[in-house]
N, C-alpha and C. Protein backbone atom coordinates (compact mmCIF):
# COMPACT_ATOMS: atom_id res chain seq x y z
N MET A 1 156.21 5.48 160.40
CA MET A 1 156.30 6.44 161.54
C MET A 1 154.64 6.73 161.85
N VAL A 2 154.39 7.05 162.88
CA VAL A 2 153.01 7.02 163.25
C VAL A 2 152.72 8.35 164.05
N ALA A 3 151.99 9.33 163.76
CA ALA A 3 151.94 10.51 164.50
C ALA A 3 150.67 10.55 165.07
N ALA A 4 150.53 11.03 166.22
CA ALA A 4 149.43 11.17 167.10
C ALA A 4 149.05 12.33 167.65
N PHE A 5 147.69 12.79 167.40
CA PHE A 5 147.69 14.08 167.76
C PHE A 5 146.36 14.24 168.75
N ALA A 6 146.47 15.04 169.89
CA ALA A 6 145.31 15.17 170.57
C ALA A 6 144.62 16.47 170.51
N CYS A 7 143.33 16.52 170.92
CA CYS A 7 142.55 17.82 170.56
C CYS A 7 141.76 18.28 171.90
N ALA A 8 141.93 19.36 172.28
CA ALA A 8 141.67 19.66 173.73
C ALA A 8 139.75 20.07 173.27
N GLY A 9 139.71 20.30 172.18
CA GLY A 9 138.12 20.60 172.10
C GLY A 9 137.55 21.89 172.43
N ASN A 10 138.55 22.97 172.59
CA ASN A 10 137.98 24.45 173.07
C ASN A 10 138.08 25.24 171.79
N GLY A 11 138.00 24.70 170.70
CA GLY A 11 138.07 25.70 169.54
C GLY A 11 139.24 26.71 169.27
N VAL A 12 140.38 26.61 170.05
CA VAL A 12 141.24 27.62 169.94
C VAL A 12 142.48 26.77 169.11
N GLY A 13 143.02 27.27 167.97
CA GLY A 13 144.26 26.56 167.22
C GLY A 13 145.19 26.83 167.79
N LEU A 14 146.31 26.08 167.68
CA LEU A 14 147.82 26.17 168.47
C LEU A 14 148.66 26.67 166.93
N ASP A 15 149.97 27.42 167.39
CA ASP A 15 150.71 27.82 166.51
C ASP A 15 151.86 26.67 166.39
N GLU A 16 152.86 27.07 165.85
CA GLU A 16 153.89 26.00 165.69
C GLU A 16 154.78 25.56 167.25
N GLN A 17 154.68 26.53 168.06
CA GLN A 17 155.21 26.33 169.33
C GLN A 17 154.18 25.76 170.61
N GLY A 18 152.89 25.54 170.03
CA GLY A 18 151.75 25.11 170.90
C GLY A 18 151.13 25.92 171.64
N ASN A 19 151.57 27.20 171.14
CA ASN A 19 150.83 28.27 171.94
C ASN A 19 149.21 28.63 171.21
N PRO A 20 148.32 28.82 171.97
CA PRO A 20 146.98 29.25 171.19
C PRO A 20 147.01 30.37 170.48
N ILE A 21 146.45 30.48 169.16
CA ILE A 21 146.24 31.31 168.31
C ILE A 21 145.27 32.36 168.63
N ASP A 22 145.37 33.52 168.61
CA ASP A 22 144.47 34.48 169.02
C ASP A 22 143.66 34.71 167.83
N THR A 23 142.31 34.30 167.70
CA THR A 23 141.59 34.51 166.43
C THR A 23 140.45 35.42 166.64
N ALA A 24 140.59 36.10 167.87
CA ALA A 24 139.74 37.41 167.96
C ALA A 24 139.85 38.26 166.88
N ASN A 25 140.63 38.84 166.50
CA ASN A 25 141.05 39.87 165.49
C ASN A 25 140.84 39.39 164.18
N GLN A 26 140.62 38.00 163.76
CA GLN A 26 140.60 37.57 162.26
C GLN A 26 138.82 37.67 162.09
N THR A 27 138.75 38.47 161.38
CA THR A 27 136.92 38.70 161.14
C THR A 27 136.73 38.19 159.92
N SER A 28 137.44 37.16 159.31
CA SER A 28 137.26 36.47 157.87
C SER A 28 135.84 35.34 158.42
N ASP A 29 135.87 34.97 159.37
CA ASP A 29 134.53 34.27 159.83
C ASP A 29 133.70 34.91 160.94
N SER A 30 132.34 34.73 160.75
CA SER A 30 131.65 35.44 161.73
C SER A 30 131.43 34.59 163.12
N ILE A 31 131.64 35.91 163.89
CA ILE A 31 131.81 35.27 165.35
C ILE A 31 130.33 35.38 165.74
N SER A 32 129.99 34.22 166.31
CA SER A 32 128.77 33.92 166.76
C SER A 32 128.22 34.51 168.19
N PHE A 33 127.46 35.28 168.30
CA PHE A 33 127.08 35.98 169.66
C PHE A 33 126.60 34.84 170.58
N ALA A 34 125.76 33.75 170.33
CA ALA A 34 125.36 32.73 171.00
C ALA A 34 126.26 31.89 171.55
N THR A 35 127.49 31.72 170.63
CA THR A 35 128.14 30.42 171.20
C THR A 35 129.63 30.99 171.66
N ARG A 36 129.92 32.47 171.24
CA ARG A 36 131.29 32.88 171.50
C ARG A 36 131.23 34.10 172.68
N VAL A 37 130.27 35.11 172.54
CA VAL A 37 130.17 36.48 173.09
C VAL A 37 129.06 35.93 174.32
N GLN A 38 128.02 35.43 174.35
CA GLN A 38 127.03 35.33 175.46
C GLN A 38 127.92 34.59 176.69
N PRO A 39 128.58 33.40 176.46
CA PRO A 39 129.26 32.75 177.33
C PRO A 39 130.08 33.68 178.13
N ILE A 40 130.88 34.64 177.52
CA ILE A 40 131.65 35.62 178.53
C ILE A 40 130.72 36.35 179.43
N PHE A 41 129.62 36.98 178.84
CA PHE A 41 128.52 37.71 179.55
C PHE A 41 128.25 36.46 180.93
N THR A 42 127.83 35.58 180.49
CA THR A 42 127.24 34.57 181.11
C THR A 42 128.35 34.21 182.58
N ALA A 43 129.31 33.85 182.24
CA ALA A 43 130.42 33.33 183.23
C ALA A 43 130.63 34.73 183.89
N ASN A 44 130.83 36.01 183.60
CA ASN A 44 131.15 37.25 184.34
C ASN A 44 130.34 38.23 184.45
N CYS A 45 129.22 38.08 184.03
CA CYS A 45 128.22 39.44 184.48
C CYS A 45 126.72 39.02 184.81
N ALA A 46 126.38 38.05 184.31
CA ALA A 46 124.94 37.91 184.38
C ALA A 46 124.57 36.98 185.38
N PHE A 47 124.79 37.57 186.69
CA PHE A 47 124.14 36.91 188.05
C PHE A 47 123.57 37.82 188.69
N ALA A 48 122.91 37.21 189.69
CA ALA A 48 122.01 38.32 190.87
C ALA A 48 123.26 39.20 191.28
N GLY A 49 122.49 40.52 191.27
CA GLY A 49 123.18 41.67 191.96
C GLY A 49 124.25 42.33 190.92
N CYS A 50 124.15 41.62 189.81
CA CYS A 50 124.93 42.52 188.69
C CYS A 50 124.11 42.70 187.42
N HIS A 51 124.28 41.92 186.40
CA HIS A 51 123.58 42.22 185.23
C HIS A 51 122.56 40.97 184.82
N ALA A 52 121.90 40.75 185.63
CA ALA A 52 120.80 39.63 185.48
C ALA A 52 119.87 39.75 186.84
N GLY A 53 118.74 38.92 186.70
CA GLY A 53 117.84 38.90 187.51
C GLY A 53 116.63 40.19 187.41
N THR A 54 115.79 40.28 188.48
CA THR A 54 114.96 41.24 188.35
C THR A 54 115.04 42.61 188.35
N SER A 55 116.42 43.11 188.80
CA SER A 55 116.66 44.43 188.74
C SER A 55 118.15 44.36 188.59
N PRO A 56 118.76 44.32 187.02
CA PRO A 56 119.95 44.35 186.77
C PRO A 56 120.26 45.78 186.87
N GLN A 57 121.75 46.03 187.32
CA GLN A 57 122.16 47.08 187.12
C GLN A 57 122.40 47.74 185.90
N GLN A 58 121.98 48.98 185.98
CA GLN A 58 121.95 50.00 184.96
C GLN A 58 120.78 49.48 183.94
N GLY A 59 120.01 48.64 184.40
CA GLY A 59 118.69 47.92 183.61
C GLY A 59 119.43 47.23 182.68
N MET A 60 120.58 46.78 182.67
CA MET A 60 121.27 46.09 181.55
C MET A 60 121.24 44.56 181.74
N ASN A 61 120.20 43.74 181.41
CA ASN A 61 120.48 42.23 181.50
C ASN A 61 121.03 41.53 180.62
N LEU A 62 122.19 40.88 181.21
CA LEU A 62 123.18 40.19 180.16
C LEU A 62 123.14 38.86 180.03
N SER A 63 121.88 38.40 180.68
CA SER A 63 121.37 36.75 180.72
C SER A 63 121.50 36.20 178.97
N ALA A 64 121.43 35.03 179.03
CA ALA A 64 121.13 34.35 177.72
C ALA A 64 119.79 34.77 177.45
N GLY A 65 119.48 35.20 176.04
CA GLY A 65 118.20 35.38 175.62
C GLY A 65 117.81 36.67 175.57
N LEU A 66 118.46 37.43 176.66
CA LEU A 66 118.01 39.07 176.83
C LEU A 66 119.42 39.80 176.45
N ALA A 67 120.56 39.72 176.50
CA ALA A 67 121.73 40.28 176.45
C ALA A 67 121.55 41.18 175.49
N HIS A 68 121.69 40.64 173.99
CA HIS A 68 121.72 41.37 172.76
C HIS A 68 120.77 42.43 172.66
N GLN A 69 119.69 42.07 173.14
CA GLN A 69 118.58 43.33 172.82
C GLN A 69 118.88 44.30 174.14
N ASN A 70 119.59 44.09 175.21
CA ASN A 70 119.85 44.94 176.24
C ASN A 70 121.01 45.87 175.85
N ILE A 71 121.85 45.69 174.74
CA ILE A 71 122.94 46.32 174.47
C ILE A 71 123.26 46.87 173.21
N VAL A 72 122.86 46.15 172.23
CA VAL A 72 123.08 46.70 170.72
C VAL A 72 122.08 47.91 170.41
N ASN A 73 122.69 49.07 170.04
CA ASN A 73 121.82 50.21 169.50
C ASN A 73 121.02 50.51 171.13
N VAL A 74 121.69 50.42 172.19
CA VAL A 74 120.85 50.87 173.14
C VAL A 74 121.69 51.99 174.13
N PRO A 75 121.03 53.12 174.09
CA PRO A 75 121.90 54.29 174.96
C PRO A 75 122.59 54.11 176.28
N ALA A 76 123.90 54.27 176.39
CA ALA A 76 124.64 54.21 177.48
C ALA A 76 123.86 55.02 178.78
N ASN A 77 123.59 54.40 180.03
CA ASN A 77 123.13 55.11 181.00
C ASN A 77 124.49 56.21 181.64
N GLU A 78 125.48 55.86 181.55
CA GLU A 78 126.57 56.56 182.32
C GLU A 78 127.15 57.24 181.35
N ARG A 79 126.82 57.46 179.91
CA ARG A 79 127.59 58.34 179.07
C ARG A 79 126.58 58.55 177.86
N ALA A 80 126.02 60.05 178.11
CA ALA A 80 125.13 60.48 177.28
C ALA A 80 125.68 60.53 175.90
N GLY A 81 125.00 60.11 174.69
CA GLY A 81 125.47 60.27 173.31
C GLY A 81 126.13 58.94 172.87
N MET A 82 126.25 58.15 173.67
CA MET A 82 127.17 56.90 173.34
C MET A 82 126.02 55.76 173.45
N MET A 83 126.22 54.76 172.45
CA MET A 83 125.41 53.23 172.54
C MET A 83 126.36 52.63 173.63
N ARG A 84 125.56 51.61 174.12
CA ARG A 84 126.04 50.50 174.84
C ARG A 84 127.08 49.53 173.93
N VAL A 85 126.14 49.32 172.79
CA VAL A 85 127.15 48.88 171.46
C VAL A 85 126.70 49.34 170.50
N LYS A 86 127.49 50.04 169.62
CA LYS A 86 127.43 50.57 168.49
C LYS A 86 127.90 49.67 167.23
N PRO A 87 127.05 48.88 166.35
CA PRO A 87 127.65 48.05 165.47
C PRO A 87 128.59 48.82 164.54
N PHE A 88 129.57 47.91 164.24
CA PHE A 88 130.81 48.12 163.43
C PHE A 88 131.67 49.18 163.89
N GLU A 89 131.32 49.77 165.19
CA GLU A 89 132.27 50.48 165.92
C GLU A 89 132.66 50.28 167.03
N PRO A 90 133.56 49.41 167.41
CA PRO A 90 133.97 48.96 168.89
C PRO A 90 134.36 50.28 169.83
N ASP A 91 135.16 50.87 169.14
CA ASP A 91 135.56 52.42 170.09
C ASP A 91 134.45 53.53 170.19
N SER A 92 133.46 53.06 169.82
CA SER A 92 132.18 54.20 169.94
C SER A 92 131.33 53.24 170.66
N SER A 93 131.72 51.99 171.00
CA SER A 93 130.58 51.29 172.06
C SER A 93 131.29 51.54 173.55
N TYR A 94 130.25 51.79 174.50
CA TYR A 94 130.35 52.08 175.80
C TYR A 94 130.97 51.01 176.44
N LEU A 95 130.18 49.69 176.09
CA LEU A 95 130.51 48.37 176.83
C LEU A 95 132.11 48.19 176.71
N VAL A 96 132.30 48.47 175.36
CA VAL A 96 134.14 48.21 175.41
C VAL A 96 134.77 49.07 176.25
N HIS A 97 134.61 50.27 176.32
CA HIS A 97 135.27 51.28 177.37
C HIS A 97 135.34 50.71 178.68
N LYS A 98 133.93 50.28 179.12
CA LYS A 98 133.69 49.55 180.41
C LYS A 98 134.74 48.40 180.97
N ILE A 99 134.56 47.42 179.68
CA ILE A 99 135.49 46.15 179.91
C ILE A 99 136.96 46.44 179.87
N GLN A 100 137.22 47.56 179.06
CA GLN A 100 138.63 47.91 179.19
C GLN A 100 139.22 48.61 180.15
N GLY A 101 138.27 49.29 180.92
CA GLY A 101 138.61 50.38 181.86
C GLY A 101 139.05 51.71 181.43
N THR A 102 138.44 51.86 180.06
CA THR A 102 138.77 53.37 179.37
C THR A 102 137.37 54.19 179.40
N GLN A 103 136.60 53.81 180.34
CA GLN A 103 135.49 54.70 180.32
C GLN A 103 135.48 56.18 180.52
N GLY A 104 136.71 56.48 181.28
CA GLY A 104 136.82 58.09 181.83
C GLY A 104 137.42 58.76 180.31
N THR A 105 138.04 58.06 179.57
CA THR A 105 138.64 58.87 178.36
C THR A 105 137.47 59.02 177.39
N VAL A 106 136.35 58.51 177.71
CA VAL A 106 135.28 58.87 176.77
C VAL A 106 133.82 59.86 177.54
N GLY A 107 134.48 60.35 178.90
CA GLY A 107 133.52 61.04 179.46
C GLY A 107 132.64 60.01 180.28
N GLY A 108 133.02 58.97 180.47
CA GLY A 108 132.04 57.74 181.32
C GLY A 108 132.41 58.11 182.93
N SER A 109 131.74 57.16 183.67
CA SER A 109 132.18 57.01 185.19
C SER A 109 131.96 55.64 185.28
N GLY A 110 132.46 55.31 186.77
CA GLY A 110 132.20 54.47 187.30
C GLY A 110 133.72 53.43 187.13
N GLY A 111 133.54 51.94 187.55
CA GLY A 111 134.80 51.25 187.15
C GLY A 111 134.75 50.32 186.38
N GLN A 112 136.00 49.65 186.12
CA GLN A 112 136.08 48.42 185.11
C GLN A 112 135.35 47.59 185.46
N MET A 113 134.69 46.89 184.39
CA MET A 113 133.68 45.80 184.42
C MET A 113 134.45 44.54 184.11
N PRO A 114 134.29 43.45 184.70
CA PRO A 114 133.31 42.97 185.74
C PRO A 114 133.66 43.81 187.19
N LEU A 115 132.85 44.67 187.61
CA LEU A 115 133.16 45.35 188.91
C LEU A 115 133.37 44.40 190.19
N GLY A 116 134.69 44.78 190.70
CA GLY A 116 134.94 44.00 191.98
C GLY A 116 135.64 42.65 191.44
N GLY A 117 135.54 42.01 190.18
CA GLY A 117 135.73 40.83 189.91
C GLY A 117 137.18 40.94 188.94
N THR A 118 137.66 39.66 188.38
CA THR A 118 138.84 39.73 187.64
C THR A 118 138.48 40.35 186.24
N PRO A 119 139.20 41.48 185.71
CA PRO A 119 139.03 42.09 184.50
C PRO A 119 138.83 40.61 183.44
N LEU A 120 138.29 41.23 182.48
CA LEU A 120 138.24 40.01 181.26
C LEU A 120 139.47 40.07 180.60
N SER A 121 139.95 38.69 180.18
CA SER A 121 141.26 38.56 179.42
C SER A 121 141.25 39.51 178.11
N ALA A 122 142.47 39.82 177.69
CA ALA A 122 142.85 40.44 176.33
C ALA A 122 141.99 39.86 175.35
N GLN A 123 142.07 38.31 175.26
CA GLN A 123 141.78 37.60 174.35
C GLN A 123 139.97 37.96 174.33
N GLN A 124 139.41 37.79 175.47
CA GLN A 124 137.98 38.05 175.36
C GLN A 124 137.63 39.42 175.03
N ILE A 125 138.31 40.31 175.62
CA ILE A 125 138.02 41.71 174.91
C ILE A 125 138.19 41.85 173.42
N SER A 126 139.26 41.22 172.88
CA SER A 126 139.53 41.06 171.54
C SER A 126 138.39 40.50 170.61
N LEU A 127 137.82 39.40 171.14
CA LEU A 127 136.59 38.80 170.66
C LEU A 127 135.36 39.77 170.74
N ILE A 128 135.09 40.32 171.82
CA ILE A 128 133.94 41.23 172.00
C ILE A 128 133.96 42.21 170.89
N ARG A 129 135.42 42.74 170.60
CA ARG A 129 135.53 44.04 169.86
C ARG A 129 135.37 43.43 168.39
N ALA A 130 135.76 42.31 168.05
CA ALA A 130 135.62 41.66 166.66
C ALA A 130 134.15 41.39 166.38
N TRP A 131 133.60 41.19 167.32
CA TRP A 131 132.14 40.68 166.96
C TRP A 131 131.24 41.98 166.73
N ILE A 132 131.62 43.07 167.28
CA ILE A 132 131.08 44.49 167.14
C ILE A 132 131.75 45.10 165.89
N THR A 133 132.83 44.78 165.55
CA THR A 133 133.43 45.15 164.24
C THR A 133 132.47 44.52 163.01
N GLN A 134 132.23 43.28 163.25
CA GLN A 134 131.33 42.47 162.18
C GLN A 134 129.90 42.89 162.37
N GLY A 135 129.60 43.69 163.11
CA GLY A 135 128.12 44.08 163.22
C GLY A 135 127.54 44.11 164.34
N ALA A 136 127.85 43.36 165.07
CA ALA A 136 127.08 43.00 166.50
C ALA A 136 125.85 42.38 166.27
N LYS A 137 126.13 41.30 165.30
CA LYS A 137 124.83 40.44 164.96
C LYS A 137 124.40 39.73 166.16
N ASN A 138 123.11 39.23 165.98
CA ASN A 138 122.42 38.30 167.28
C ASN A 138 122.53 36.98 166.20
N ASN A 139 123.68 36.41 166.35
CA ASN A 139 123.51 35.21 165.75
C ASN A 139 124.28 33.87 166.65
């Protein structure tokens, strides 16, 4: 008997039923900012008129090579006393509340990000939360 397997190459494992396994909450392996988190920002946030270019919204440029320094341990403009990203504490990170649409629960303002676009998927949000839980490293 010969078994053949195909790999989609997207880095997502499959369970017994062939469904993608949500690995975002598994923090045993380090989540790379450059290869896992930055692509989410690049595809959904880092373009002219939003969080890229010469005048990014809220002064937060999420372009590759600039995003990390603009979010980690940087005070949130819309919510005094909160950091955009507070390492190890996703629930204390304003960026998490903005992408979840829960900014109002922490005294923030504005709409869910990406504004006017499709919200990030639960898997993308879980990945960002897990990256923050691991210390929001620039890796």
